[in-house]
Amino acid sequence: MTRPGTPRALVLVVVVVVLGASLGRLGTASAAAAGWSISISGALDGTAKQVEPQCLVSPTDDGPLISRATFKLGGRRLRVSMYFAAPADPGSRAFGQTPGPSTVVVALSDVSNQSVTWTSATGSGAINDDRRSGTVQGTLVGAGDEVQMDATFACPKPRSSSGDSGADDRSEAAEFAPGFEGTVEATTSGHCTGTETGTLDLFGFVKGKVFGAIFAEGSYTCEGITVPTSGGLLLSGSFKDNTLRLGVDELLGLLLAPPGCLVGGERLTIHVRRGAGSATPAYTAPSGDVYKCTITVQQE
């Protein structure tokens, strides 16, 4: 990932590092490593060991597929995230920086240093007919030289929201969270300036759980140097008592203001009334730069 070589531009690195320290694990089911293999060459080289997968598979056909895993490679602990946007239909998709029905967003990062990342450049991913396993092959670019990845993944079968006839299943179905869509407008002001805009999509699951992402793009200017930005934030949380409570799980690509607004690690709270809601989180960095976001949601 290229960053301006100026002292003030280091604010970007600080934001990403602090965010990395506050990231939580996804509120999703972990699975055994059966069906997983990850081979990497280039700036990094080797075969993944001690793979610990963590997936989110939608119980309906119109949801996304999020395939994630941490693993050990040459003494380093890395994390890979593969985001197949909804609907996660079987078939092949090209690598991309923004999500869509024809792209897959892939990110590789160092668990101990979130500023060391690689993101999808050229390649493709595929979802198998079971909608929860597949492959990813291609080139990632970012920290230093590029890396080539060849991976297969297999996520566990999700529990359905409809359930069988048991009382527990009926109870879970009654707590099935709705989905939301919305917009994000984010600004950076102070010594450095920037504007990033994008969309928010949240998908509902059993027991009131929600999962989704913010994807945005824009630019960041510091010390006269302007850098284009594009990336996403993976979110997870809950919808209960007409309130969304969301936390940031991972940063994909290069964004400044959206992760800056949430850099304190506090959960984003949005009160929903008559199917709509909004929030305006903000954060002032030690440098004096101010990150402000306006996030709106509409129940689908």
C-alpha atoms as a PDB file:
ATOM      1  CA  MET A   1       0.000   0.000   0.000  1.00  0.00           C
ATOM      2  CA  THR A   2       1.576   3.303  -1.055  1.00  0.00           C
ATOM      3  CA  ARG A   3       1.435   6.253   1.311  1.00  0.00           C
ATOM      4  CA  PRO A   4       2.834   9.787   1.012  1.00  0.00           C
ATOM      5  CA  GLY A   5       6.348  10.102   2.364  1.00  0.00           C
ATOM      6  CA  THR A   6       5.613  13.077   4.626  1.00  0.00           C
ATOM      7  CA  PRO A   7       5.479  13.326   8.425  1.00  0.00           C
ATOM      8  CA  ARG A   8       1.812  14.381   8.446  1.00  0.00           C
ATOM      9  CA  ALA A   9       0.907  11.462   6.187  1.00  0.00           C
ATOM     10  CA  LEU A  10       1.925   9.204   9.038  1.00  0.00           C
ATOM     11  CA  VAL A  11      -1.457  10.077  10.548  1.00  0.00           C
ATOM     12  CA  LEU A  12      -2.915   7.562   8.096  1.00  0.00           C
ATOM     13  CA  VAL A  13      -0.629   4.849   9.433  1.00  0.00           C
ATOM     14  CA  VAL A  14      -1.555   5.733  13.019  1.00  0.00           C
ATOM     15  CA  VAL A  15      -5.269   5.514  12.225  1.00  0.00           C
ATOM     16  CA  VAL A  16      -4.892   2.087  10.649  1.00  0.00           C
ATOM     17  CA  VAL A  17      -2.682   0.771  13.459  1.00  0.00           C
ATOM     18  CA  VAL A  18      -5.005   2.022  16.213  1.00  0.00           C
ATOM     19  CA  LEU A  19      -7.971   0.600  14.351  1.00  0.00           C
ATOM     20  CA  GLY A  20      -6.174  -2.722  14.062  1.00  0.00           C
ATOM     21  CA  ALA A  21      -5.695  -2.796  17.820  1.00  0.00           C
ATOM     22  CA  SER A  22      -9.436  -2.335  18.358  1.00  0.00           C
ATOM     23  CA  LEU A  23     -10.713  -4.859  15.819  1.00  0.00           C
ATOM     24  CA  GLY A  24     -12.759  -7.687  17.271  1.00  0.00           C
ATOM     25  CA  ARG A  25     -13.415 -11.120  15.926  1.00  0.00           C
ATOM     26  CA  LEU A  26     -16.424 -11.602  13.725  1.00  0.00           C
ATOM     27  CA  GLY A  27     -19.571 -12.696  15.510  1.00  0.00           C
ATOM     28  CA  THR A  28     -19.753 -15.798  13.372  1.00  0.00           C
ATOM     29  CA  ALA A  29     -19.196 -19.518  13.712  1.00  0.00           C
ATOM     30  CA  SER A  30     -15.670 -20.878  13.559  1.00  0.00           C
ATOM     31  CA  ALA A  31     -14.977 -24.055  11.657  1.00  0.00           C
ATOM     32  CA  ALA A  32     -12.311 -26.723  11.467  1.00  0.00           C
ATOM     33  CA  ALA A  33      -9.702 -26.244   8.735  1.00  0.00           C
ATOM     34  CA  ALA A  34     -11.040 -29.138   6.624  1.00  0.00           C
ATOM     35  CA  GLY A  35     -11.386 -28.056   3.001  1.00  0.00           C
ATOM     36  CA  TRP A  36      -8.950 -25.160   3.392  1.00  0.00           C
ATOM     37  CA  SER A  37      -5.592 -24.672   1.703  1.00  0.00           C
ATOM     38  CA  ILE A  38      -3.638 -21.438   1.138  1.00  0.00           C
ATOM     39  CA  SER A  39      -0.428 -21.148  -0.902  1.00  0.00           C
ATOM     40  CA  ILE A  40       1.377 -17.811  -1.290  1.00  0.00           C
ATOM     41  CA  SER A  41       4.391 -16.727  -3.349  1.00  0.00           C
ATOM     42  CA  GLY A  42       6.138 -13.446  -4.150  1.00  0.00           C
ATOM     43  CA  ALA A  43       6.813 -11.003  -1.299  1.00  0.00           C
ATOM     44  CA  LEU A  44       5.664 -13.814   0.998  1.00  0.00           C
ATOM     45  CA  ASP A  45       6.278 -17.455   0.238  1.00  0.00           C
ATOM     46  CA  GLY A  46       4.984 -20.713   1.632  1.00  0.00           C
ATOM     47  CA  THR A  47       1.969 -22.816   2.506  1.00  0.00           C
ATOM     48  CA  ALA A  48      -0.355 -21.781   5.297  1.00  0.00           C
ATOM     49  CA  LYS A  49      -0.192 -23.733   8.545  1.00  0.00           C
ATOM     50  CA  GLN A  50      -2.459 -23.678  11.596  1.00  0.00           C
ATOM     51  CA  VAL A  51      -5.365 -22.322   9.533  1.00  0.00           C
ATOM     52  CA  GLU A  52      -8.192 -21.043  11.716  1.00  0.00           C
ATOM     53  CA  PRO A  53     -11.221 -20.298   9.495  1.00  0.00           C
ATOM     54  CA  GLN A  54     -14.080 -18.031  10.431  1.00  0.00           C
ATOM     55  CA  CYS A  55     -16.951 -17.635   7.992  1.00  0.00           C
ATOM     56  CA  LEU A  56     -20.248 -15.931   7.560  1.00  0.00           C
ATOM     57  CA  VAL A  57     -22.657 -17.753   5.277  1.00  0.00           C
ATOM     58  CA  SER A  58     -26.117 -16.360   4.704  1.00  0.00           C
ATOM     59  CA  PRO A  59     -29.004 -18.748   5.502  1.00  0.00           C
ATOM     60  CA  THR A  60     -30.840 -17.303   2.482  1.00  0.00           C
ATOM     61  CA  ASP A  61     -29.868 -17.185  -1.187  1.00  0.00           C
ATOM     62  CA  ASP A  62     -29.755 -13.379  -1.340  1.00  0.00           C
ATOM     63  CA  GLY A  63     -27.051 -12.812   1.270  1.00  0.00           C
ATOM     64  CA  PRO A  64     -23.251 -12.388   1.048  1.00  0.00           C
ATOM     65  CA  LEU A  65     -20.478 -14.906   1.639  1.00  0.00           C
ATOM     66  CA  ILE A  66     -17.615 -13.787   3.866  1.00  0.00           C
ATOM     67  CA  SER A  67     -14.765 -16.291   4.035  1.00  0.00           C
ATOM     68  CA  ARG A  68     -11.986 -15.412   6.508  1.00  0.00           C
ATOM     69  CA  ALA A  69      -9.106 -17.226   8.149  1.00  0.00           C
ATOM     70  CA  THR A  70      -5.993 -16.540  10.178  1.00  0.00           C
ATOM     71  CA  PHE A  71      -2.947 -18.693   9.567  1.00  0.00           C
ATOM     72  CA  LYS A  72       0.779 -18.996  10.164  1.00  0.00           C
ATOM     73  CA  LEU A  73       3.267 -18.446   7.344  1.00  0.00           C
ATOM     74  CA  GLY A  74       7.023 -18.358   7.968  1.00  0.00           C
ATOM     75  CA  GLY A  75       6.712 -17.220  11.557  1.00  0.00           C
ATOM     76  CA  ARG A  76       4.108 -14.545  10.816  1.00  0.00           C
ATOM     77  CA  ARG A  77       0.411 -14.641  11.669  1.00  0.00           C
ATOM     78  CA  LEU A  78      -1.669 -13.465   8.710  1.00  0.00           C
ATOM     79  CA  ARG A  79      -5.370 -12.962   8.017  1.00  0.00           C
ATOM     80  CA  VAL A  80      -7.121 -13.366   4.678  1.00  0.00           C
ATOM     81  CA  SER A  81     -10.625 -12.057   3.986  1.00  0.00           C
ATOM     82  CA  MET A  82     -12.652 -12.873   0.881  1.00  0.00           C
ATOM     83  CA  TYR A  83     -15.845 -10.811   0.451  1.00  0.00           C
ATOM     84  CA  PHE A  84     -18.380 -12.118  -2.072  1.00  0.00           C
ATOM     85  CA  ALA A  85     -21.126  -9.481  -2.093  1.00  0.00           C
ATOM     86  CA  ALA A  86     -24.778 -10.464  -2.177  1.00  0.00           C
ATOM     87  CA  PRO A  87     -26.176 -12.416  -3.816  1.00  0.00           C
ATOM     88  CA  ALA A  88     -23.446 -15.034  -3.350  1.00  0.00           C
ATOM     89  CA  ASP A  89     -24.488 -17.145  -6.326  1.00  0.00           C
ATOM     90  CA  PRO A  90     -22.362 -20.032  -7.618  1.00  0.00           C
ATOM     91  CA  GLY A  91     -19.903 -19.062 -10.320  1.00  0.00           C
ATOM     92  CA  SER A  92     -16.735 -17.106 -10.999  1.00  0.00           C
ATOM     93  CA  ARG A  93     -16.003 -13.441 -10.184  1.00  0.00           C
ATOM     94  CA  ALA A  94     -13.104 -11.157 -11.023  1.00  0.00           C
ATOM     95  CA  PHE A  95     -10.930  -9.536  -8.360  1.00  0.00           C
ATOM     96  CA  GLY A  96     -12.057  -6.017  -7.495  1.00  0.00           C
ATOM     97  CA  GLN A  97     -11.607  -3.165  -5.041  1.00  0.00           C
ATOM     98  CA  THR A  98     -15.348  -2.589  -4.693  1.00  0.00           C
ATOM     99  CA  PRO A  99     -18.011  -5.251  -4.131  1.00  0.00           C
ATOM    100  CA  GLY A 100     -20.614  -6.350  -6.603  1.00  0.00           C
ATOM    101  CA  PRO A 101     -22.264  -9.421  -8.112  1.00  0.00           C
ATOM    102  CA  SER A 102     -19.354  -9.819 -10.550  1.00  0.00           C
ATOM    103  CA  THR A 103     -16.410  -9.098  -8.192  1.00  0.00           C
ATOM    104  CA  VAL A 104     -14.755 -10.502  -5.078  1.00  0.00           C
ATOM    105  CA  VAL A 105     -12.770  -8.248  -2.710  1.00  0.00           C
ATOM    106  CA  VAL A 106      -9.741 -10.019  -1.210  1.00  0.00           C
ATOM    107  CA  ALA A 107      -7.483  -8.666   1.542  1.00  0.00           C
ATOM    108  CA  LEU A 108      -4.399 -10.135   3.210  1.00  0.00           C
ATOM    109  CA  SER A 109      -2.983  -8.532   6.349  1.00  0.00           C
ATOM    110  CA  ASP A 110      -0.454  -9.060   9.119  1.00  0.00           C
ATOM    111  CA  VAL A 111      -2.387  -9.741  12.324  1.00  0.00           C
ATOM    112  CA  SER A 112       0.228  -7.963  14.468  1.00  0.00           C
ATOM    113  CA  ASN A 113       0.464  -4.904  12.197  1.00  0.00           C
ATOM    114  CA  GLN A 114      -2.726  -3.856  10.413  1.00  0.00           C
ATOM    115  CA  SER A 115      -0.835  -1.291   8.315  1.00  0.00           C
ATOM    116  CA  VAL A 116       0.807  -4.185   6.426  1.00  0.00           C
ATOM    117  CA  THR A 117      -1.855  -5.216   3.917  1.00  0.00           C
ATOM    118  CA  TRP A 118      -2.304  -6.473   0.384  1.00  0.00           C
ATOM    119  CA  THR A 119      -5.558  -6.198  -1.603  1.00  0.00           C
ATOM    120  CA  SER A 120      -6.979  -7.804  -4.719  1.00  0.00           C
ATOM    121  CA  ALA A 121      -5.493  -6.651  -8.041  1.00  0.00           C
ATOM    122  CA  THR A 122      -5.835  -9.239 -10.811  1.00  0.00           C
ATOM    123  CA  GLY A 123      -7.352 -12.694 -10.500  1.00  0.00           C
ATOM    124  CA  SER A 124     -10.644 -14.377  -9.772  1.00  0.00           C
ATOM    125  CA  GLY A 125     -12.655 -16.183  -7.132  1.00  0.00           C
ATOM    126  CA  ALA A 126     -15.342 -18.804  -7.505  1.00  0.00           C
ATOM    127  CA  ILE A 127     -18.231 -20.027  -5.365  1.00  0.00           C
ATOM    128  CA  ASN A 128     -19.225 -23.684  -5.638  1.00  0.00           C
ATOM    129  CA  ASP A 129     -22.780 -24.966  -6.008  1.00  0.00           C
ATOM    130  CA  ASP A 130     -23.132 -25.377  -2.236  1.00  0.00           C
ATOM    131  CA  ARG A 131     -22.761 -21.554  -1.903  1.00  0.00           C
ATOM    132  CA  ARG A 132     -20.269 -21.885   0.959  1.00  0.00           C
ATOM    133  CA  SER A 133     -17.042 -23.209  -0.541  1.00  0.00           C
ATOM    134  CA  GLY A 134     -14.846 -22.180  -3.428  1.00  0.00           C
ATOM    135  CA  THR A 135     -11.484 -20.943  -4.639  1.00  0.00           C
ATOM    136  CA  VAL A 136      -9.475 -17.736  -4.965  1.00  0.00           C
ATOM    137  CA  GLN A 137      -6.495 -17.336  -7.314  1.00  0.00           C
ATOM    138  CA  GLY A 138      -4.639 -14.176  -8.265  1.00  0.00           C
ATOM    139  CA  THR A 139      -2.337 -11.294  -7.418  1.00  0.00           C
ATOM    140  CA  LEU A 140      -2.603  -8.984  -4.414  1.00  0.00           C
ATOM    141  CA  VAL A 141      -0.773  -5.647  -4.165  1.00  0.00           C
ATOM    142  CA  GLY A 142       0.078  -3.458  -1.199  1.00  0.00           C
ATOM    143  CA  ALA A 143       2.903  -3.596   1.335  1.00  0.00           C
ATOM    144  CA  GLY A 144       6.081  -3.841  -0.698  1.00  0.00           C
ATOM    145  CA  ASP A 145       6.096  -6.281  -3.608  1.00  0.00           C
ATOM    146  CA  GLU A 146       2.994  -8.102  -4.809  1.00  0.00           C
ATOM    147  CA  VAL A 147       1.986 -11.565  -3.670  1.00  0.00           C
ATOM    148  CA  GLN A 148       0.278 -14.407  -5.515  1.00  0.00           C
ATOM    149  CA  MET A 149      -2.374 -16.422  -3.716  1.00  0.00           C
ATOM    150  CA  ASP A 150      -3.936 -19.780  -4.518  1.00  0.00           C
ATOM    151  CA  ALA A 151      -6.568 -20.752  -1.943  1.00  0.00           C
ATOM    152  CA  THR A 152      -9.499 -23.080  -1.444  1.00  0.00           C
ATOM    153  CA  PHE A 153     -12.059 -22.582   1.322  1.00  0.00           C
ATOM    154  CA  ALA A 154     -15.008 -24.447   2.804  1.00  0.00           C
ATOM    155  CA  CYS A 155     -17.392 -22.781   5.245  1.00  0.00           C
ATOM    156  CA  PRO A 156     -19.849 -24.646   7.510  1.00  0.00           C
ATOM    157  CA  LYS A 157     -23.482 -24.956   6.530  1.00  0.00           C
ATOM    158  CA  PRO A 158     -25.518 -22.120   8.065  1.00  0.00           C
ATOM    159  CA  ARG A 159     -28.544 -22.634  10.265  1.00  0.00           C
ATOM    160  CA  SER A 160     -31.786 -21.691   8.573  1.00  0.00           C
ATOM    161  CA  SER A 161     -33.980 -18.915   9.861  1.00  0.00           C
ATOM    162  CA  SER A 162     -37.069 -21.077   9.355  1.00  0.00           C
ATOM    163  CA  GLY A 163     -35.917 -23.944  11.549  1.00  0.00           C
ATOM    164  CA  ASP A 164     -37.722 -27.243  12.020  1.00  0.00           C
ATOM    165  CA  SER A 165     -40.561 -27.674  14.431  1.00  0.00           C
ATOM    166  CA  GLY A 166     -38.561 -27.324  17.654  1.00  0.00           C
ATOM    167  CA  ALA A 167     -39.214 -24.568  20.145  1.00  0.00           C
ATOM    168  CA  ASP A 168     -35.620 -23.329  19.940  1.00  0.00           C
ATOM    169  CA  ASP A 169     -35.819 -22.967  16.153  1.00  0.00           C
ATOM    170  CA  ARG A 170     -39.149 -21.146  16.353  1.00  0.00           C
ATOM    171  CA  SER A 171     -37.664 -18.785  18.927  1.00  0.00           C
ATOM    172  CA  GLU A 172     -34.645 -18.072  16.724  1.00  0.00           C
ATOM    173  CA  ALA A 173     -36.854 -17.450  13.695  1.00  0.00           C
ATOM    174  CA  ALA A 174     -38.807 -14.885  15.673  1.00  0.00           C
ATOM    175  CA  GLU A 175     -35.532 -13.040  16.398  1.00  0.00           C
ATOM    176  CA  PHE A 176     -34.336 -13.046  12.769  1.00  0.00           C
ATOM    177  CA  ALA A 177     -32.950  -9.550  12.176  1.00  0.00           C
ATOM    178  CA  PRO A 178     -33.989  -7.481   9.146  1.00  0.00           C
ATOM    179  CA  GLY A 179     -31.581  -6.196   6.544  1.00  0.00           C
ATOM    180  CA  PHE A 180     -30.609  -2.555   6.083  1.00  0.00           C
ATOM    181  CA  GLU A 181     -29.108  -0.416   3.360  1.00  0.00           C
ATOM    182  CA  GLY A 182     -27.778   3.098   3.648  1.00  0.00           C
ATOM    183  CA  THR A 183     -25.230   5.762   2.833  1.00  0.00           C
ATOM    184  CA  VAL A 184     -21.984   7.014   4.338  1.00  0.00           C
ATOM    185  CA  GLU A 185     -20.483  10.488   4.000  1.00  0.00           C
ATOM    186  CA  ALA A 186     -17.128  10.994   5.729  1.00  0.00           C
ATOM    187  CA  THR A 187     -14.772  13.968   5.964  1.00  0.00           C
ATOM    188  CA  THR A 188     -11.304  14.694   7.308  1.00  0.00           C
ATOM    189  CA  SER A 189     -10.437  18.263   8.360  1.00  0.00           C
ATOM    190  CA  GLY A 190      -7.446  19.938   9.978  1.00  0.00           C
ATOM    191  CA  HIS A 191      -3.856  19.634   8.812  1.00  0.00           C
ATOM    192  CA  CYS A 192      -5.014  17.002   6.341  1.00  0.00           C
ATOM    193  CA  THR A 193      -8.299  16.999   4.435  1.00  0.00           C
ATOM    194  CA  GLY A 194     -10.389  14.452   2.617  1.00  0.00           C
ATOM    195  CA  THR A 195     -13.862  13.340   1.609  1.00  0.00           C
ATOM    196  CA  GLU A 196     -15.086   9.777   1.129  1.00  0.00           C
ATOM    197  CA  THR A 197     -18.602   8.651   0.254  1.00  0.00           C
ATOM    198  CA  GLY A 198     -20.155   5.253  -0.169  1.00  0.00           C
ATOM    199  CA  THR A 199     -22.809   2.755   0.796  1.00  0.00           C
ATOM    200  CA  LEU A 200     -23.648   0.546   3.753  1.00  0.00           C
ATOM    201  CA  ASP A 201     -25.307  -2.871   3.497  1.00  0.00           C
ATOM    202  CA  LEU A 202     -26.320  -4.988   6.489  1.00  0.00           C
ATOM    203  CA  PHE A 203     -27.762  -8.496   6.370  1.00  0.00           C
ATOM    204  CA  GLY A 204     -29.859  -9.994   9.149  1.00  0.00           C
ATOM    205  CA  PHE A 205     -29.323 -13.373  10.773  1.00  0.00           C
ATOM    206  CA  VAL A 206     -30.806 -15.427  13.582  1.00  0.00           C
ATOM    207  CA  LYS A 207     -30.750 -14.228  17.185  1.00  0.00           C
ATOM    208  CA  GLY A 208     -30.770 -10.612  16.075  1.00  0.00           C
ATOM    209  CA  LYS A 209     -27.262 -10.727  14.585  1.00  0.00           C
ATOM    210  CA  VAL A 210     -26.345  -8.501  11.658  1.00  0.00           C
ATOM    211  CA  PHE A 211     -23.307  -8.428   9.430  1.00  0.00           C
ATOM    212  CA  GLY A 212     -22.326  -6.229   6.517  1.00  0.00           C
ATOM    213  CA  ALA A 213     -19.918  -3.662   5.207  1.00  0.00           C
ATOM    214  CA  ILE A 214     -19.258  -0.051   4.376  1.00  0.00           C
ATOM    215  CA  PHE A 215     -17.598   0.508   1.008  1.00  0.00           C
ATOM    216  CA  ALA A 216     -16.477   3.998   0.059  1.00  0.00           C
ATOM    217  CA  GLU A 217     -14.059   5.936  -2.107  1.00  0.00           C
ATOM    218  CA  GLY A 218     -12.681   9.453  -2.346  1.00  0.00           C
ATOM    219  CA  SER A 219      -9.343  11.172  -1.728  1.00  0.00           C
ATOM    220  CA  TYR A 220      -7.012  12.351   1.044  1.00  0.00           C
ATOM    221  CA  THR A 221      -4.718  15.379   0.872  1.00  0.00           C
ATOM    222  CA  CYS A 222      -1.818  16.020   3.234  1.00  0.00           C
ATOM    223  CA  GLU A 223       1.155  18.404   2.824  1.00  0.00           C
ATOM    224  CA  GLY A 224       0.055  19.106  -0.753  1.00  0.00           C
ATOM    225  CA  ILE A 225       0.001  15.429  -1.732  1.00  0.00           C
ATOM    226  CA  THR A 226      -3.341  13.897  -2.730  1.00  0.00           C
ATOM    227  CA  VAL A 227      -3.913  10.151  -2.531  1.00  0.00           C
ATOM    228  CA  PRO A 228      -7.024   8.428  -3.960  1.00  0.00           C
ATOM    229  CA  THR A 229      -8.749   6.175  -1.446  1.00  0.00           C
ATOM    230  CA  SER A 230     -11.004   3.158  -1.924  1.00  0.00           C
ATOM    231  CA  GLY A 231     -11.891   0.330   0.427  1.00  0.00           C
ATOM    232  CA  GLY A 232     -14.282  -1.058   2.961  1.00  0.00           C
ATOM    233  CA  LEU A 233     -15.006  -1.817   6.586  1.00  0.00           C
ATOM    234  CA  LEU A 234     -16.498  -5.152   7.600  1.00  0.00           C
ATOM    235  CA  LEU A 235     -19.090  -4.703  10.359  1.00  0.00           C
ATOM    236  CA  SER A 236     -20.885  -7.062  12.728  1.00  0.00           C
ATOM    237  CA  GLY A 237     -23.270  -6.596  15.624  1.00  0.00           C
ATOM    238  CA  SER A 238     -26.913  -6.889  16.569  1.00  0.00           C
ATOM    239  CA  PHE A 239     -30.348  -5.392  16.035  1.00  0.00           C
ATOM    240  CA  LYS A 240     -32.443  -5.470  19.178  1.00  0.00           C
ATOM    241  CA  ASP A 241     -35.017  -3.113  20.694  1.00  0.00           C
ATOM    242  CA  ASN A 242     -35.051  -1.067  17.466  1.00  0.00           C
ATOM    243  CA  THR A 243     -31.337  -0.326  17.840  1.00  0.00           C
ATOM    244  CA  LEU A 244     -28.379  -1.292  15.673  1.00  0.00           C
ATOM    245  CA  ARG A 245     -25.133  -1.826  17.582  1.00  0.00           C
ATOM    246  CA  LEU A 246     -22.196  -2.352  15.253  1.00  0.00           C
ATOM    247  CA  GLY A 247     -18.473  -2.887  15.601  1.00  0.00           C
ATOM    248  CA  VAL A 248     -15.677  -2.779  13.009  1.00  0.00           C
ATOM    249  CA  ASP A 249     -14.114  -6.163  12.280  1.00  0.00           C
ATOM    250  CA  GLU A 250     -11.654  -5.386   9.526  1.00  0.00           C
ATOM    251  CA  LEU A 251     -10.404  -2.700   7.165  1.00  0.00           C
ATOM    252  CA  LEU A 252     -10.177  -3.648   3.488  1.00  0.00           C
ATOM    253  CA  GLY A 253      -8.115  -1.514   1.135  1.00  0.00           C
ATOM    254  CA  LEU A 254      -7.265   2.129   1.867  1.00  0.00           C
ATOM    255  CA  LEU A 255      -9.795   4.365   3.651  1.00  0.00           C
ATOM    256  CA  LEU A 256      -9.180   7.201   6.092  1.00  0.00           C
ATOM    257  CA  ALA A 257     -12.280   9.007   7.370  1.00  0.00           C
ATOM    258  CA  PRO A 258     -14.715   6.074   7.915  1.00  0.00           C
ATOM    259  CA  PRO A 259     -12.262   4.083  10.083  1.00  0.00           C
ATOM    260  CA  GLY A 260     -11.129   7.374  11.620  1.00  0.00           C
ATOM    261  CA  CYS A 261     -14.662   8.060  12.883  1.00  0.00           C
ATOM    262  CA  LEU A 262     -14.656   4.707  14.676  1.00  0.00           C
ATOM    263  CA  VAL A 263     -11.001   4.559  15.706  1.00  0.00           C
ATOM    264  CA  GLY A 264     -11.829   4.708  19.405  1.00  0.00           C
ATOM    265  CA  GLY A 265     -13.123   1.149  19.211  1.00  0.00           C
ATOM    266  CA  GLU A 266     -16.571   2.123  20.486  1.00  0.00           C
ATOM    267  CA  ARG A 267     -19.559   0.393  18.964  1.00  0.00           C
ATOM    268  CA  LEU A 268     -21.621   2.390  16.509  1.00  0.00           C
ATOM    269  CA  THR A 269     -25.185   2.814  17.792  1.00  0.00           C
ATOM    270  CA  ILE A 270     -28.057   3.699  15.440  1.00  0.00           C
ATOM    271  CA  HIS A 271     -31.590   4.049  16.772  1.00  0.00           C
ATOM    272  CA  VAL A 272     -34.137   2.961  14.182  1.00  0.00           C
ATOM    273  CA  ARG A 273     -37.595   4.537  14.105  1.00  0.00           C
ATOM    274  CA  ARG A 274     -40.189   3.640  11.485  1.00  0.00           C
ATOM    275  CA  GLY A 275     -37.563   1.701   9.581  1.00  0.00           C
ATOM    276  CA  ALA A 276     -34.952   4.464   9.357  1.00  0.00           C
ATOM    277  CA  GLY A 277     -32.132   5.880  11.447  1.00  0.00           C
ATOM    278  CA  SER A 278     -28.865   7.804  11.394  1.00  0.00           C
ATOM    279  CA  ALA A 279     -25.699   8.455  13.398  1.00  0.00           C
ATOM    280  CA  THR A 280     -22.877  11.012  13.283  1.00  0.00           C
ATOM    281  CA  PRO A 281     -19.769   9.469  14.898  1.00  0.00           C
ATOM    282  CA  ALA A 282     -16.648  11.637  15.097  1.00  0.00           C
ATOM    283  CA  TYR A 283     -13.077  11.375  16.368  1.00  0.00           C
ATOM    284  CA  THR A 284     -10.332  13.933  16.970  1.00  0.00           C
ATOM    285  CA  ALA A 285      -6.842  12.528  16.432  1.00  0.00           C
ATOM    286  CA  PRO A 286      -3.805  13.539  18.547  1.00  0.00           C
ATOM    287  CA  SER A 287      -2.626  15.522  15.503  1.00  0.00           C
ATOM    288  CA  GLY A 288      -5.730  17.693  15.712  1.00  0.00           C
ATOM    289  CA  ASP A 289      -7.278  16.260  12.552  1.00  0.00           C
ATOM    290  CA  VAL A 290     -11.009  15.619  12.904  1.00  0.00           C
ATOM    291  CA  TYR A 291     -12.853  12.701  11.315  1.00  0.00           C
ATOM    292  CA  LYS A 292     -16.632  13.029  10.948  1.00  0.00           C
ATOM    293  CA  CYS A 293     -19.143  10.588   9.477  1.00  0.00           C
ATOM    294  CA  THR A 294     -22.835  10.796   8.680  1.00  0.00           C
ATOM    295  CA  ILE A 295     -24.347   7.312   8.399  1.00  0.00           C
ATOM    296  CA  THR A 296     -27.965   6.689   7.421  1.00  0.00           C
ATOM    297  CA  VAL A 297     -29.824   3.377   7.284  1.00  0.00           C
ATOM    298  CA  GLN A 298     -33.151   2.261   5.860  1.00  0.00           C
ATOM    299  CA  GLN A 299     -34.736  -1.066   6.713  1.00  0.00           C
ATOM    300  CA  GLU A 300     -35.259  -3.246   3.648  1.00  0.00           C
END
